[in-house]
Amino acid sequence: MNRAKETALPAPKFLVLVPLLAAFLIGLSAPSFASAVDVRVVSDRKGVLSLYPVDSNGRNTYRAYLEAERGEKYGIRIANRTGRRIGVVVAVDGRNIISGKKSHLRNSERMYILGPHESAVYDGWRTARDTVNRFYFTEPGDSYADAFNDRSAMGVIAVAVYREKQLPPRRSSRDRESGGKMGDDRSMPGESAPAAPLGAERKSLAPQAREESAGTGFGEESHSPSIRVKFDPERRVAERHFLKYEWRDTLCRKGILDCRYSQNRFWDDDVEYAPYPPGRRPGRCE
């Protein structure tokens, strides 16, 4: 049985920009294994954020850190490097970004579909066919996941890639003409992401103590058209990407970033005088 999955349909104003962005990202570093997708986090203000890869915990698994900045809106850009359709299950802080449910990155979950060599930016929690509520970096207590009392995967952007099952070849021209066609199903999505509990958005306005870890909030509503298509994913995941976002001071403490103070040799704030040459003592005149 074919399961219907969702795919993002970019607004017309982005149709011309996508090829340019794809060309730019080709030159950026990629995972060490032969990756089917390129996953990047794109900040509204800073653009593509730098990734700091770490050792992976398994085959076809990519892991990296990135720096989060409080209040910064962001999106997750996924580019399909292959010549076939793929499905991507995307979870932020452990929650599926389409359904809002707790994610285990399984092929039975709601997923976005990317065509051959296609790319898209997913920048919010999908709350309806045409709307998302934006991602932004925030304290865990202000996060979407915490609104559902779930901190089991806080600060992690996870992407699981599933290839499409190949259809058996048609045996005759008659079959090709009369057989059913796997085309786009442009029906309405069967479900939408659950809204955050009442007061969740108001809670973000209250002053809170800063926490060590980072999370993703349920931000402002944004127009984001989507359609529903038929897609039958393979049972096994092709690859997984885990991006752990942290505040800068946390990355410094973990040694991911080198934040040691470097003194400027032409701008020394400490007032010092010229030392005596080696072998010369104060008060000795020659």
Protein backbone atom coordinates (compact mmCIF):
# COMPACT_ATOMS: atom_id res chain seq x y z
CA MET A 1 0.00 0.00 0.00
CA ASN A 2 1.29 3.40 -0.93
CA ARG A 3 1.47 5.94 1.84
CA ALA A 4 0.81 9.57 1.10
CA LYS A 5 3.59 11.88 2.19
CA GLU A 6 3.94 15.65 2.15
CA THR A 7 6.31 17.78 0.19
CA ALA A 8 6.98 21.49 0.50
CA LEU A 9 6.11 23.60 -2.53
CA PRO A 10 8.21 26.79 -2.42
CA ALA A 11 6.44 30.08 -2.92
CA PRO A 12 6.91 31.50 -6.46
CA LYS A 13 9.37 34.15 -5.31
CA PHE A 14 11.83 31.39 -4.37
CA LEU A 15 11.69 29.46 -7.63
CA VAL A 16 14.52 31.46 -9.22
CA LEU A 17 16.68 31.50 -6.08
CA VAL A 18 16.81 27.74 -5.51
CA PRO A 19 19.25 26.93 -8.36
CA LEU A 20 21.56 29.72 -7.22
CA LEU A 21 21.58 28.49 -3.64
CA ALA A 22 22.20 24.93 -4.80
CA ALA A 23 25.20 26.02 -6.84
CA PHE A 24 26.61 27.91 -3.87
CA LEU A 25 26.25 24.99 -1.47
CA ILE A 26 27.97 22.52 -3.80
CA GLY A 27 31.27 24.12 -2.88
CA LEU A 28 30.76 23.64 0.87
CA SER A 29 32.19 20.71 2.77
CA ALA A 30 30.11 17.53 2.86
CA PRO A 31 29.96 14.45 5.07
CA SER A 32 32.86 12.02 4.64
CA PHE A 33 30.65 9.19 3.40
CA ALA A 34 28.86 9.17 0.05
CA SER A 35 25.88 11.17 1.27
CA ALA A 36 22.54 11.12 -0.52
CA VAL A 37 21.65 14.52 0.88
CA ASP A 38 23.34 17.69 2.04
CA VAL A 39 21.84 19.10 5.24
CA ARG A 40 22.53 22.68 6.26
CA VAL A 41 21.10 25.08 8.82
CA VAL A 42 20.40 28.52 7.35
CA SER A 43 20.05 31.52 9.65
CA ASP A 44 17.82 34.38 8.51
CA ARG A 45 20.56 36.87 9.39
CA LYS A 46 23.84 34.99 8.96
CA GLY A 47 23.06 32.60 6.11
CA VAL A 48 24.51 29.07 6.09
CA LEU A 49 25.92 28.24 9.53
CA SER A 50 29.26 26.48 9.90
CA LEU A 51 29.24 22.81 10.90
CA TYR A 52 31.87 21.21 13.13
CA PRO A 53 31.86 17.45 12.38
CA VAL A 54 32.51 14.88 15.10
CA ASP A 55 32.98 11.11 14.98
CA SER A 56 29.86 9.28 13.83
CA ASN A 57 28.26 6.53 15.89
CA GLY A 58 27.51 4.25 12.99
CA ARG A 59 27.66 3.61 9.27
CA ASN A 60 26.00 6.22 7.09
CA THR A 61 25.51 8.51 10.06
CA TYR A 62 26.74 12.11 10.05
CA ARG A 63 27.14 14.11 13.27
CA ALA A 64 28.18 17.72 13.71
CA TYR A 65 27.89 20.69 16.07
CA LEU A 66 26.76 24.17 15.09
CA GLU A 67 26.52 27.47 16.95
CA ALA A 68 23.08 28.77 17.92
CA GLU A 69 22.31 32.38 18.70
CA ARG A 70 19.42 33.24 20.99
CA GLY A 71 16.35 34.51 19.17
CA GLU A 72 17.76 33.84 15.67
CA LYS A 73 15.24 32.42 13.16
CA TYR A 74 16.48 29.56 11.03
CA GLY A 75 15.57 26.93 8.46
CA ILE A 76 16.86 23.47 7.56
CA ARG A 77 18.02 23.22 3.96
CA ILE A 78 18.11 19.71 2.48
CA ALA A 79 19.47 19.05 -1.01
CA ASN A 80 18.88 15.71 -2.73
CA ARG A 81 22.16 14.65 -4.38
CA THR A 82 20.65 11.61 -6.09
CA GLY A 83 18.78 11.03 -9.33
CA ARG A 84 15.72 9.53 -7.65
CA ARG A 85 13.00 10.65 -5.27
CA ILE A 86 13.68 10.42 -1.56
CA GLY A 87 11.71 10.99 1.60
CA VAL A 88 13.17 12.82 4.59
CA VAL A 89 11.87 12.52 8.13
CA VAL A 90 12.92 15.72 9.92
CA ALA A 91 12.82 16.11 13.69
CA VAL A 92 13.80 19.12 15.80
CA ASP A 93 14.31 18.58 19.53
CA GLY A 94 12.92 15.08 19.00
CA ARG A 95 9.60 16.22 17.45
CA ASN A 96 8.52 15.55 13.85
CA ILE A 97 8.29 18.97 12.19
CA ILE A 98 5.15 18.03 10.20
CA SER A 99 3.05 16.16 12.75
CA GLY A 100 4.57 17.66 15.90
CA LYS A 101 4.64 14.17 17.43
CA LYS A 102 7.56 12.52 19.18
CA SER A 103 9.81 11.19 16.43
CA HIS A 104 11.84 7.99 16.18
CA LEU A 105 12.86 8.73 12.56
CA ARG A 106 10.84 5.78 11.23
CA ASN A 107 9.57 5.33 7.69
CA SER A 108 5.98 5.33 8.95
CA GLU A 109 6.23 8.97 10.07
CA ARG A 110 5.18 12.06 8.16
CA MET A 111 7.96 13.07 5.80
CA TYR A 112 8.84 15.59 3.12
CA ILE A 113 9.53 14.36 -0.42
CA LEU A 114 12.36 15.67 -2.60
CA GLY A 115 12.58 14.98 -6.33
CA PRO A 116 15.84 14.11 -8.11
CA HIS A 117 18.47 16.80 -7.39
CA GLU A 118 15.80 18.95 -5.74
CA SER A 119 16.34 21.05 -2.63
CA ALA A 120 14.06 22.80 -0.16
CA VAL A 121 14.21 24.80 3.07
CA TYR A 122 12.03 23.72 5.97
CA ASP A 123 11.81 26.63 8.39
CA GLY A 124 8.99 25.89 10.80
CA TRP A 125 6.50 23.58 12.46
CA ARG A 126 3.79 22.73 9.91
CA THR A 127 0.45 23.76 11.37
CA ALA A 128 -1.64 23.66 8.17
CA ARG A 129 -1.38 22.95 4.44
CA ASP A 130 -0.21 26.50 3.74
CA THR A 131 1.40 27.63 7.00
CA VAL A 132 4.27 26.91 9.34
CA ASN A 133 5.32 28.54 12.58
CA ARG A 134 8.95 29.57 12.40
CA PHE A 135 11.92 27.91 14.08
CA TYR A 136 14.06 30.10 16.32
CA PHE A 137 16.81 29.32 18.82
CA THR A 138 15.71 29.77 22.40
CA GLU A 139 16.00 28.40 25.92
CA PRO A 140 14.69 24.83 26.43
CA GLY A 141 11.91 26.13 28.70
CA ASP A 142 10.57 28.21 25.79
CA SER A 143 10.87 25.41 23.22
CA TYR A 144 8.07 23.67 21.31
CA ALA A 145 9.20 20.27 22.62
CA ASP A 146 9.11 21.41 26.24
CA ALA A 147 5.50 22.55 25.77
CA PHE A 148 4.78 18.79 25.47
CA ASN A 149 7.05 17.96 28.44
CA ASP A 150 9.61 16.36 26.11
CA ARG A 151 13.31 17.12 26.54
CA SER A 152 14.50 13.71 25.36
CA ALA A 153 16.32 15.07 22.29
CA MET A 154 16.70 18.78 23.08
CA GLY A 155 19.05 20.76 20.83
CA VAL A 156 19.26 18.17 18.04
CA ILE A 157 18.19 18.55 14.41
CA ALA A 158 17.75 15.03 13.01
CA VAL A 159 17.17 13.95 9.41
CA ALA A 160 16.50 10.37 8.27
CA VAL A 161 16.64 9.65 4.53
CA TYR A 162 14.48 6.97 2.89
CA ARG A 163 14.74 5.94 -0.74
CA GLU A 164 11.59 5.24 -2.72
CA LYS A 165 10.74 1.62 -3.46
CA GLN A 166 11.30 0.82 -7.10
CA LEU A 167 8.21 -0.21 -9.06
CA PRO A 168 8.48 -3.52 -10.98
CA PRO A 169 9.04 -3.03 -14.74
CA ARG A 170 6.00 -3.09 -17.03
CA ARG A 171 5.87 -6.23 -19.19
CA SER A 172 4.08 -4.96 -22.27
CA SER A 173 3.05 -1.79 -24.05
CA ARG A 174 -0.56 -2.61 -23.19
CA ASP A 175 0.33 -2.63 -19.51
CA ARG A 176 2.08 0.71 -19.86
CA GLU A 177 -1.00 2.25 -21.40
CA SER A 178 -3.58 0.78 -19.06
CA GLY A 179 -1.66 0.46 -15.82
CA GLY A 180 -2.17 2.88 -12.98
CA LYS A 181 0.18 5.83 -12.92
CA MET A 182 2.00 6.94 -9.78
CA GLY A 183 1.21 10.61 -10.11
CA ASP A 184 0.83 13.50 -7.70
CA ASP A 185 -2.08 13.25 -5.31
CA ARG A 186 -3.00 16.88 -4.72
CA SER A 187 -5.50 16.18 -1.95
CA MET A 188 -5.43 18.00 1.33
CA PRO A 189 -3.07 16.66 3.99
CA GLY A 190 -4.78 14.21 6.31
CA GLU A 191 -3.55 15.89 9.48
CA SER A 192 -1.77 18.98 10.68
CA ALA A 193 0.75 19.51 13.42
CA PRO A 194 -0.84 19.91 16.84
CA ALA A 195 -0.84 23.44 18.14
CA ALA A 196 1.27 24.21 21.15
CA PRO A 197 -0.69 24.30 24.43
CA LEU A 198 -2.56 27.49 25.18
CA GLY A 199 -0.23 30.08 26.55
CA ALA A 200 2.89 28.54 25.04
CA GLU A 201 3.54 31.58 22.87
CA ARG A 202 2.79 33.98 25.73
CA LYS A 203 5.21 32.04 27.91
CA SER A 204 8.09 33.04 25.63
CA LEU A 205 7.54 36.68 26.53
CA ALA A 206 8.15 36.13 30.24
CA PRO A 207 11.67 36.70 31.56
CA GLN A 208 13.46 33.41 32.22
CA ALA A 209 16.81 32.39 33.58
CA ARG A 210 19.20 31.39 30.84
CA GLU A 211 19.78 27.67 30.54
CA GLU A 212 22.94 25.91 29.47
CA SER A 213 21.43 24.00 26.56
CA ALA A 214 19.51 25.36 23.56
CA GLY A 215 16.09 24.60 22.09
CA THR A 216 13.80 25.62 19.22
CA GLY A 217 10.73 27.76 19.73
CA PHE A 218 7.30 27.95 18.11
CA GLY A 219 7.61 31.28 16.34
CA GLU A 220 5.56 33.53 14.13
CA GLU A 221 3.28 32.12 11.43
CA SER A 222 4.67 32.06 7.89
CA HIS A 223 3.14 31.20 4.51
CA SER A 224 4.46 27.84 3.26
CA PRO A 225 2.40 25.98 0.61
CA SER A 226 2.54 22.19 0.49
CA ILE A 227 0.97 19.41 -1.53
CA ARG A 228 0.37 15.72 -0.81
CA VAL A 229 2.03 13.09 -3.00
CA LYS A 230 2.19 9.30 -3.13
CA PHE A 231 5.47 7.86 -1.91
CA ASP A 232 6.33 4.33 -0.76
CA PRO A 233 9.58 4.41 1.25
CA GLU A 234 11.99 1.56 1.62
CA ARG A 235 11.93 -0.18 4.97
CA ARG A 236 15.52 0.59 5.90
CA VAL A 237 16.86 4.08 6.43
CA ALA A 238 19.52 5.08 3.89
CA GLU A 239 21.35 7.53 6.15
CA ARG A 240 20.87 9.76 9.16
CA HIS A 241 22.15 13.25 9.99
CA PHE A 242 22.32 14.65 13.53
CA LEU A 243 23.20 18.31 14.05
CA LYS A 244 23.65 19.40 17.67
CA TYR A 245 23.21 23.13 18.16
CA GLU A 246 24.69 24.80 21.23
CA TRP A 247 25.33 28.29 22.56
CA ARG A 248 28.82 29.63 21.83
CA ASP A 249 30.03 29.42 25.44
CA THR A 250 29.04 25.74 25.53
CA LEU A 251 30.95 25.03 22.31
CA CYS A 252 33.96 26.84 23.78
CA ARG A 253 33.83 24.80 26.97
CA LYS A 254 33.56 21.54 25.02
CA GLY A 255 36.52 22.50 22.86
CA ILE A 256 34.49 22.48 19.63
CA LEU A 257 35.47 26.14 19.13
CA ASP A 258 38.87 27.54 20.03
CA CYS A 259 37.86 30.53 22.13
CA ARG A 260 41.15 31.19 23.87
CA TYR A 261 42.04 34.87 24.15
CA SER A 262 44.72 35.84 21.67
CA GLN A 263 46.70 38.95 22.60
CA ASN A 264 47.36 41.46 19.87
CA ARG A 265 51.12 41.98 19.64
CA PHE A 266 50.59 45.53 18.34
CA TRP A 267 47.94 46.46 20.92
CA ASP A 268 49.03 45.55 24.43
CA ASP A 269 46.85 47.12 27.10
CA ASP A 270 49.41 46.33 29.81
CA VAL A 271 51.85 49.23 30.19
CA GLU A 272 55.37 47.85 30.25
CA TYR A 273 58.83 49.32 29.77
CA ALA A 274 61.71 48.08 27.72
CA PRO A 275 63.60 45.32 29.58
CA TYR A 276 67.33 45.36 30.07
CA PRO A 277 69.24 43.34 27.47
CA PRO A 278 70.38 39.87 28.53
CA GLY A 279 73.39 40.09 30.82
CA ARG A 280 72.86 43.75 31.76
CA ARG A 281 71.82 44.76 35.29
CA PRO A 282 69.96 47.87 36.45
CA GLY A 283 72.22 50.77 37.50
CA ARG A 284 75.22 49.55 35.53
CA CYS A 285 76.49 52.11 33.04
CA GLU A 286 79.07 51.54 30.35
